[in-house]
């Protein structure tokens, strides 16, 4: 006997794919390596070496690398190969300009359509930031910070905003990793700023939320610029 779902399924109907392709998995690993500095800015990607390290053939590796070229995390130089992008001060300014646009749009959707879900998920994410801050682990705190902003965009319900945010957050993290010896955030202020965003969402105050998001982005950009200049 066929189950109800099988009975209702039409021939040739596409179904959700449960497993990622090899290329998608490789792209995730390369993205993480770039984000955490294992593949630092400016470094060249050797195809044979990477294929051996990852235990994959060159086909999915090339597909994965082209995905990252499209995302702007890798650059292709004719006759030389692929390199991890370098980020200068102008790039950092542009990253935060784009981040503000994406997260502002996400916040507008959240306040208007997804407040309850957003408060629940962002409260949990902010609690993880508090726990990481208590441990004094800057990497864990940066992970929790990133998770908060990924969650913020995800609960907006926009797949396109999520795609844009993914690359922007990796680029932001690249900056933090490169400046880890110079960049020192005010941990308590960072935790409080994220709590303020959750509180504004819970209150349903869109104007306050957007003002706090703007202040949060401005503060983060000023700290990054100061670290790059130092």
C-alpha atoms as a PDB file:
ATOM      1  CA  UNK A   1       0.000   0.000   0.000  1.00  0.00           C
ATOM      2  CA  UNK A   2       1.149   3.516  -0.786  1.00  0.00           C
ATOM      3  CA  UNK A   3       1.122   6.161   1.883  1.00  0.00           C
ATOM      4  CA  UNK A   4      -0.888   9.359   1.437  1.00  0.00           C
ATOM      5  CA  UNK A   5       2.138  11.392   0.331  1.00  0.00           C
ATOM      6  CA  UNK A   6       3.139   8.769  -2.221  1.00  0.00           C
ATOM      7  CA  UNK A   7      -0.441   8.587  -3.545  1.00  0.00           C
ATOM      8  CA  UNK A   8      -0.582  12.369  -4.016  1.00  0.00           C
ATOM      9  CA  UNK A   9       2.857  12.661  -5.623  1.00  0.00           C
ATOM     10  CA  UNK A  10       2.765  13.413  -9.335  1.00  0.00           C
ATOM     11  CA  UNK A  11       5.182  11.668 -11.751  1.00  0.00           C
ATOM     12  CA  UNK A  12       8.266  13.772 -12.319  1.00  0.00           C
ATOM     13  CA  UNK A  13       7.502  16.058  -9.372  1.00  0.00           C
ATOM     14  CA  UNK A  14      10.648  17.504  -7.807  1.00  0.00           C
ATOM     15  CA  UNK A  15      11.237  16.669  -4.166  1.00  0.00           C
ATOM     16  CA  UNK A  16      13.507  18.298  -1.567  1.00  0.00           C
ATOM     17  CA  UNK A  17      17.054  16.957  -1.731  1.00  0.00           C
ATOM     18  CA  UNK A  18      18.117  15.760   1.686  1.00  0.00           C
ATOM     19  CA  UNK A  19      21.861  15.632   1.087  1.00  0.00           C
ATOM     20  CA  UNK A  20      24.132  18.388  -0.095  1.00  0.00           C
ATOM     21  CA  UNK A  21      26.177  17.837  -3.214  1.00  0.00           C
ATOM     22  CA  UNK A  22      29.907  17.290  -2.834  1.00  0.00           C
ATOM     23  CA  UNK A  23      30.527  20.702  -4.382  1.00  0.00           C
ATOM     24  CA  UNK A  24      28.240  22.373  -1.820  1.00  0.00           C
ATOM     25  CA  UNK A  25      30.009  20.624   1.057  1.00  0.00           C
ATOM     26  CA  UNK A  26      33.417  21.622  -0.324  1.00  0.00           C
ATOM     27  CA  UNK A  27      32.203  25.218  -0.766  1.00  0.00           C
ATOM     28  CA  UNK A  28      31.096  25.257   2.889  1.00  0.00           C
ATOM     29  CA  UNK A  29      34.526  24.038   4.001  1.00  0.00           C
ATOM     30  CA  UNK A  30      36.388  26.557   1.866  1.00  0.00           C
ATOM     31  CA  UNK A  31      34.107  29.342   3.091  1.00  0.00           C
ATOM     32  CA  UNK A  32      34.810  28.395   6.706  1.00  0.00           C
ATOM     33  CA  UNK A  33      38.566  28.181   6.037  1.00  0.00           C
ATOM     34  CA  UNK A  34      38.482  31.699   4.584  1.00  0.00           C
ATOM     35  CA  UNK A  35      36.358  33.000   7.445  1.00  0.00           C
ATOM     36  CA  UNK A  36      38.612  31.599  10.169  1.00  0.00           C
ATOM     37  CA  UNK A  37      41.853  32.488   8.400  1.00  0.00           C
ATOM     38  CA  UNK A  38      43.079  29.000   7.496  1.00  0.00           C
ATOM     39  CA  UNK A  39      43.061  30.365   3.952  1.00  0.00           C
ATOM     40  CA  UNK A  40      44.190  33.952   4.648  1.00  0.00           C
ATOM     41  CA  UNK A  41      43.503  36.982   2.424  1.00  0.00           C
ATOM     42  CA  UNK A  42      45.717  37.019  -0.635  1.00  0.00           C
ATOM     43  CA  UNK A  43      46.620  33.335  -0.456  1.00  0.00           C
ATOM     44  CA  UNK A  44      46.593  31.267  -3.636  1.00  0.00           C
ATOM     45  CA  UNK A  45      44.471  28.128  -3.831  1.00  0.00           C
ATOM     46  CA  UNK A  46      46.384  25.175  -5.212  1.00  0.00           C
ATOM     47  CA  UNK A  47      43.898  22.862  -6.862  1.00  0.00           C
ATOM     48  CA  UNK A  48      45.888  19.633  -6.503  1.00  0.00           C
ATOM     49  CA  UNK A  49      46.791  20.311  -2.860  1.00  0.00           C
ATOM     50  CA  UNK A  50      43.223  21.235  -1.884  1.00  0.00           C
ATOM     51  CA  UNK A  51      41.751  18.221  -3.665  1.00  0.00           C
ATOM     52  CA  UNK A  52      44.146  15.960  -1.751  1.00  0.00           C
ATOM     53  CA  UNK A  53      43.460  17.641   1.606  1.00  0.00           C
ATOM     54  CA  UNK A  54      39.706  17.456   1.147  1.00  0.00           C
ATOM     55  CA  UNK A  55      39.741  13.970  -0.334  1.00  0.00           C
ATOM     56  CA  UNK A  56      37.688  14.947  -3.373  1.00  0.00           C
ATOM     57  CA  UNK A  57      38.206  14.939  -7.116  1.00  0.00           C
ATOM     58  CA  UNK A  58      38.984  18.138  -8.961  1.00  0.00           C
ATOM     59  CA  UNK A  59      35.519  18.385 -10.558  1.00  0.00           C
ATOM     60  CA  UNK A  60      33.514  19.248  -7.404  1.00  0.00           C
ATOM     61  CA  UNK A  61      36.437  21.297  -6.080  1.00  0.00           C
ATOM     62  CA  UNK A  62      36.423  23.474  -9.198  1.00  0.00           C
ATOM     63  CA  UNK A  63      32.649  23.864  -8.953  1.00  0.00           C
ATOM     64  CA  UNK A  64      32.975  24.860  -5.286  1.00  0.00           C
ATOM     65  CA  UNK A  65      35.704  27.381  -6.037  1.00  0.00           C
ATOM     66  CA  UNK A  66      33.637  28.940  -8.816  1.00  0.00           C
ATOM     67  CA  UNK A  67      30.786  29.377  -6.339  1.00  0.00           C
ATOM     68  CA  UNK A  68      33.123  31.346  -4.102  1.00  0.00           C
ATOM     69  CA  UNK A  69      34.330  33.410  -7.053  1.00  0.00           C
ATOM     70  CA  UNK A  70      30.683  34.280  -7.740  1.00  0.00           C
ATOM     71  CA  UNK A  71      30.228  35.194  -4.071  1.00  0.00           C
ATOM     72  CA  UNK A  72      33.250  37.494  -4.209  1.00  0.00           C
ATOM     73  CA  UNK A  73      35.329  35.534  -1.686  1.00  0.00           C
ATOM     74  CA  UNK A  74      37.825  34.369  -4.306  1.00  0.00           C
ATOM     75  CA  UNK A  75      39.269  36.242  -7.268  1.00  0.00           C
ATOM     76  CA  UNK A  76      40.499  34.710 -10.511  1.00  0.00           C
ATOM     77  CA  UNK A  77      43.692  36.023 -12.081  1.00  0.00           C
ATOM     78  CA  UNK A  78      44.359  34.971 -15.695  1.00  0.00           C
ATOM     79  CA  UNK A  79      47.320  32.594 -16.041  1.00  0.00           C
ATOM     80  CA  UNK A  80      47.867  32.654 -12.273  1.00  0.00           C
ATOM     81  CA  UNK A  81      44.885  30.973 -10.641  1.00  0.00           C
ATOM     82  CA  UNK A  82      42.513  31.658  -7.754  1.00  0.00           C
ATOM     83  CA  UNK A  83      43.275  33.803  -4.723  1.00  0.00           C
ATOM     84  CA  UNK A  84      41.433  34.657  -1.514  1.00  0.00           C
ATOM     85  CA  UNK A  85      40.181  38.240  -1.701  1.00  0.00           C
ATOM     86  CA  UNK A  86      42.073  40.974   0.128  1.00  0.00           C
ATOM     87  CA  UNK A  87      39.935  43.514   1.968  1.00  0.00           C
ATOM     88  CA  UNK A  88      41.062  47.121   2.400  1.00  0.00           C
ATOM     89  CA  UNK A  89      39.423  50.020   4.244  1.00  0.00           C
ATOM     90  CA  UNK A  90      37.165  50.858   1.288  1.00  0.00           C
ATOM     91  CA  UNK A  91      36.011  47.216   1.160  1.00  0.00           C
ATOM     92  CA  UNK A  92      35.164  47.278   4.864  1.00  0.00           C
ATOM     93  CA  UNK A  93      33.119  50.449   4.400  1.00  0.00           C
ATOM     94  CA  UNK A  94      31.265  48.792   1.525  1.00  0.00           C
ATOM     95  CA  UNK A  95      30.652  45.591   3.503  1.00  0.00           C
ATOM     96  CA  UNK A  96      28.955  47.547   6.278  1.00  0.00           C
ATOM     97  CA  UNK A  97      26.987  49.667   3.814  1.00  0.00           C
ATOM     98  CA  UNK A  98      25.612  46.463   2.278  1.00  0.00           C
ATOM     99  CA  UNK A  99      25.119  44.760   5.658  1.00  0.00           C
ATOM    100  CA  UNK A 100      23.069  47.688   6.908  1.00  0.00           C
ATOM    101  CA  UNK A 101      20.871  47.585   3.812  1.00  0.00           C
ATOM    102  CA  UNK A 102      20.294  43.828   4.092  1.00  0.00           C
ATOM    103  CA  UNK A 103      19.722  43.733   7.850  1.00  0.00           C
ATOM    104  CA  UNK A 104      17.544  46.853   7.757  1.00  0.00           C
ATOM    105  CA  UNK A 105      15.280  45.131   5.224  1.00  0.00           C
ATOM    106  CA  UNK A 106      15.266  41.997   7.393  1.00  0.00           C
ATOM    107  CA  UNK A 107      14.318  44.008  10.484  1.00  0.00           C
ATOM    108  CA  UNK A 108      11.427  45.658   8.659  1.00  0.00           C
ATOM    109  CA  UNK A 109      10.049  42.257   7.666  1.00  0.00           C
ATOM    110  CA  UNK A 110      10.522  40.895  11.172  1.00  0.00           C
ATOM    111  CA  UNK A 111       8.638  43.697  12.916  1.00  0.00           C
ATOM    112  CA  UNK A 112       5.803  43.539  10.415  1.00  0.00           C
ATOM    113  CA  UNK A 113       5.446  39.778  10.024  1.00  0.00           C
ATOM    114  CA  UNK A 114       7.690  37.614  12.246  1.00  0.00           C
ATOM    115  CA  UNK A 115       8.016  39.233  15.668  1.00  0.00           C
ATOM    116  CA  UNK A 116       7.146  36.249  17.865  1.00  0.00           C
ATOM    117  CA  UNK A 117       9.484  33.841  16.077  1.00  0.00           C
ATOM    118  CA  UNK A 118      12.247  36.441  15.932  1.00  0.00           C
ATOM    119  CA  UNK A 119      12.104  37.261  19.645  1.00  0.00           C
ATOM    120  CA  UNK A 120      12.311  33.579  20.581  1.00  0.00           C
ATOM    121  CA  UNK A 121      15.212  32.754  18.272  1.00  0.00           C
ATOM    122  CA  UNK A 122      17.176  35.962  18.804  1.00  0.00           C
ATOM    123  CA  UNK A 123      16.797  35.763  22.584  1.00  0.00           C
ATOM    124  CA  UNK A 124      18.403  32.315  22.437  1.00  0.00           C
ATOM    125  CA  UNK A 125      21.156  33.603  20.146  1.00  0.00           C
ATOM    126  CA  UNK A 126      21.823  36.572  22.413  1.00  0.00           C
ATOM    127  CA  UNK A 127      22.001  34.236  25.422  1.00  0.00           C
ATOM    128  CA  UNK A 128      24.770  32.342  23.654  1.00  0.00           C
ATOM    129  CA  UNK A 129      26.595  35.645  23.256  1.00  0.00           C
ATOM    130  CA  UNK A 130      26.279  36.256  26.996  1.00  0.00           C
ATOM    131  CA  UNK A 131      27.676  32.784  27.733  1.00  0.00           C
ATOM    132  CA  UNK A 132      30.585  33.291  25.303  1.00  0.00           C
ATOM    133  CA  UNK A 133      31.353  36.699  26.802  1.00  0.00           C
ATOM    134  CA  UNK A 134      31.452  35.129  30.263  1.00  0.00           C
ATOM    135  CA  UNK A 135      34.074  32.645  29.086  1.00  0.00           C
ATOM    136  CA  UNK A 136      36.271  35.393  27.714  1.00  0.00           C
ATOM    137  CA  UNK A 137      36.746  33.486  24.452  1.00  0.00           C
ATOM    138  CA  UNK A 138      36.884  35.992  21.553  1.00  0.00           C
ATOM    139  CA  UNK A 139      36.428  33.326  18.871  1.00  0.00           C
ATOM    140  CA  UNK A 140      33.373  31.844  20.559  1.00  0.00           C
ATOM    141  CA  UNK A 141      31.971  35.350  21.042  1.00  0.00           C
ATOM    142  CA  UNK A 142      32.542  36.144  17.349  1.00  0.00           C
ATOM    143  CA  UNK A 143      30.795  32.860  16.450  1.00  0.00           C
ATOM    144  CA  UNK A 144      27.830  33.787  18.635  1.00  0.00           C
ATOM    145  CA  UNK A 145      27.737  37.307  17.173  1.00  0.00           C
ATOM    146  CA  UNK A 146      27.695  35.859  13.674  1.00  0.00           C
ATOM    147  CA  UNK A 147      24.966  33.382  14.601  1.00  0.00           C
ATOM    148  CA  UNK A 148      22.837  36.258  15.938  1.00  0.00           C
ATOM    149  CA  UNK A 149      23.016  38.171  12.673  1.00  0.00           C
ATOM    150  CA  UNK A 150      22.500  35.046  10.563  1.00  0.00           C
ATOM    151  CA  UNK A 151      19.382  34.334  12.640  1.00  0.00           C
ATOM    152  CA  UNK A 152      18.194  37.925  12.297  1.00  0.00           C
ATOM    153  CA  UNK A 153      18.226  37.684   8.513  1.00  0.00           C
ATOM    154  CA  UNK A 154      16.900  34.113   8.395  1.00  0.00           C
ATOM    155  CA  UNK A 155      13.777  34.831  10.449  1.00  0.00           C
ATOM    156  CA  UNK A 156      12.889  37.644   8.057  1.00  0.00           C
ATOM    157  CA  UNK A 157      11.710  34.854   5.745  1.00  0.00           C
ATOM    158  CA  UNK A 158      13.646  36.169   2.726  1.00  0.00           C
ATOM    159  CA  UNK A 159      15.874  33.595   1.033  1.00  0.00           C
ATOM    160  CA  UNK A 160      17.510  36.300  -1.076  1.00  0.00           C
ATOM    161  CA  UNK A 161      18.434  38.418   1.928  1.00  0.00           C
ATOM    162  CA  UNK A 162      19.934  35.283   3.487  1.00  0.00           C
ATOM    163  CA  UNK A 163      22.088  34.638   0.425  1.00  0.00           C
ATOM    164  CA  UNK A 164      23.383  38.199   0.423  1.00  0.00           C
ATOM    165  CA  UNK A 165      24.001  38.187   4.163  1.00  0.00           C
ATOM    166  CA  UNK A 166      25.998  34.949   4.038  1.00  0.00           C
ATOM    167  CA  UNK A 167      28.836  36.425   2.001  1.00  0.00           C
ATOM    168  CA  UNK A 168      28.784  39.748   3.847  1.00  0.00           C
ATOM    169  CA  UNK A 169      29.101  38.028   7.229  1.00  0.00           C
ATOM    170  CA  UNK A 170      31.984  35.880   6.003  1.00  0.00           C
ATOM    171  CA  UNK A 171      33.738  39.020   4.734  1.00  0.00           C
ATOM    172  CA  UNK A 172      33.155  40.742   8.057  1.00  0.00           C
ATOM    173  CA  UNK A 173      34.615  37.751   9.863  1.00  0.00           C
ATOM    174  CA  UNK A 174      37.638  37.773   7.535  1.00  0.00           C
ATOM    175  CA  UNK A 175      38.361  41.310   8.736  1.00  0.00           C
ATOM    176  CA  UNK A 176      38.078  40.310  12.392  1.00  0.00           C
ATOM    177  CA  UNK A 177      40.327  37.294  11.896  1.00  0.00           C
ATOM    178  CA  UNK A 178      42.984  39.333  10.089  1.00  0.00           C
ATOM    179  CA  UNK A 179      42.897  41.963  12.841  1.00  0.00           C
ATOM    180  CA  UNK A 180      42.571  39.618  15.812  1.00  0.00           C
ATOM    181  CA  UNK A 181      45.752  40.971  17.435  1.00  0.00           C
ATOM    182  CA  UNK A 182      44.589  44.583  17.067  1.00  0.00           C
ATOM    183  CA  UNK A 183      40.799  44.448  17.270  1.00  0.00           C
ATOM    184  CA  UNK A 184      39.404  44.709  20.777  1.00  0.00           C
ATOM    185  CA  UNK A 185      35.654  45.035  21.162  1.00  0.00           C
ATOM    186  CA  UNK A 186      33.887  46.338  24.257  1.00  0.00           C
ATOM    187  CA  UNK A 187      32.365  42.971  25.125  1.00  0.00           C
ATOM    188  CA  UNK A 188      29.657  44.264  27.441  1.00  0.00           C
ATOM    189  CA  UNK A 189      28.633  46.973  24.984  1.00  0.00           C
ATOM    190  CA  UNK A 190      28.467  44.363  22.229  1.00  0.00           C
ATOM    191  CA  UNK A 191      26.208  42.123  24.308  1.00  0.00           C
ATOM    192  CA  UNK A 192      24.026  45.063  25.333  1.00  0.00           C
ATOM    193  CA  UNK A 193      23.639  46.295  21.747  1.00  0.00           C
ATOM    194  CA  UNK A 194      22.299  42.924  20.633  1.00  0.00           C
ATOM    195  CA  UNK A 195      19.943  42.801  23.622  1.00  0.00           C
ATOM    196  CA  UNK A 196      18.694  46.242  22.579  1.00  0.00           C
ATOM    197  CA  UNK A 197      17.837  44.932  19.133  1.00  0.00           C
ATOM    198  CA  UNK A 198      15.800  42.070  20.611  1.00  0.00           C
ATOM    199  CA  UNK A 199      14.005  44.436  22.993  1.00  0.00           C
ATOM    200  CA  UNK A 200      13.024  46.747  20.129  1.00  0.00           C
ATOM    201  CA  UNK A 201      11.646  43.810  18.138  1.00  0.00           C
ATOM    202  CA  UNK A 202       9.678  42.590  21.143  1.00  0.00           C
ATOM    203  CA  UNK A 203       8.229  46.079  21.600  1.00  0.00           C
ATOM    204  CA  UNK A 204       7.274  46.176  17.920  1.00  0.00           C
ATOM    205  CA  UNK A 205       9.017  49.551  17.607  1.00  0.00           C
ATOM    206  CA  UNK A 206      10.344  49.595  14.053  1.00  0.00           C
ATOM    207  CA  UNK A 207      11.795  53.107  14.278  1.00  0.00           C
ATOM    208  CA  UNK A 208      13.722  52.264  17.460  1.00  0.00           C
ATOM    209  CA  UNK A 209      14.921  48.964  16.000  1.00  0.00           C
ATOM    210  CA  UNK A 210      16.285  50.586  12.855  1.00  0.00           C
ATOM    211  CA  UNK A 211      17.968  53.345  14.863  1.00  0.00           C
ATOM    212  CA  UNK A 212      19.648  50.784  17.120  1.00  0.00           C
ATOM    213  CA  UNK A 213      20.726  48.701  14.124  1.00  0.00           C
ATOM    214  CA  UNK A 214      22.271  51.797  12.505  1.00  0.00           C
ATOM    215  CA  UNK A 215      24.118  52.666  15.729  1.00  0.00           C
ATOM    216  CA  UNK A 216      25.323  49.081  16.106  1.00  0.00           C
ATOM    217  CA  UNK A 217      26.705  48.962  12.564  1.00  0.00           C
ATOM    218  CA  UNK A 218      28.314  52.409  12.886  1.00  0.00           C
ATOM    219  CA  UNK A 219      30.006  51.435  16.142  1.00  0.00           C
ATOM    220  CA  UNK A 220      31.334  48.165  14.686  1.00  0.00           C
ATOM    221  CA  UNK A 221      32.644  49.907  11.566  1.00  0.00           C
ATOM    222  CA  UNK A 222      34.427  52.574  13.609  1.00  0.00           C
ATOM    223  CA  UNK A 223      36.150  49.900  15.717  1.00  0.00           C
ATOM    224  CA  UNK A 224      37.242  47.996  12.613  1.00  0.00           C
ATOM    225  CA  UNK A 225      38.539  51.121  10.908  1.00  0.00           C
ATOM    226  CA  UNK A 226      40.442  52.060  14.048  1.00  0.00           C
ATOM    227  CA  UNK A 227      42.037  48.625  14.173  1.00  0.00           C
ATOM    228  CA  UNK A 228      43.021  48.756  10.501  1.00  0.00           C
ATOM    229  CA  UNK A 229      44.604  52.173  10.968  1.00  0.00           C
ATOM    230  CA  UNK A 230      46.430  51.123  14.124  1.00  0.00           C
END
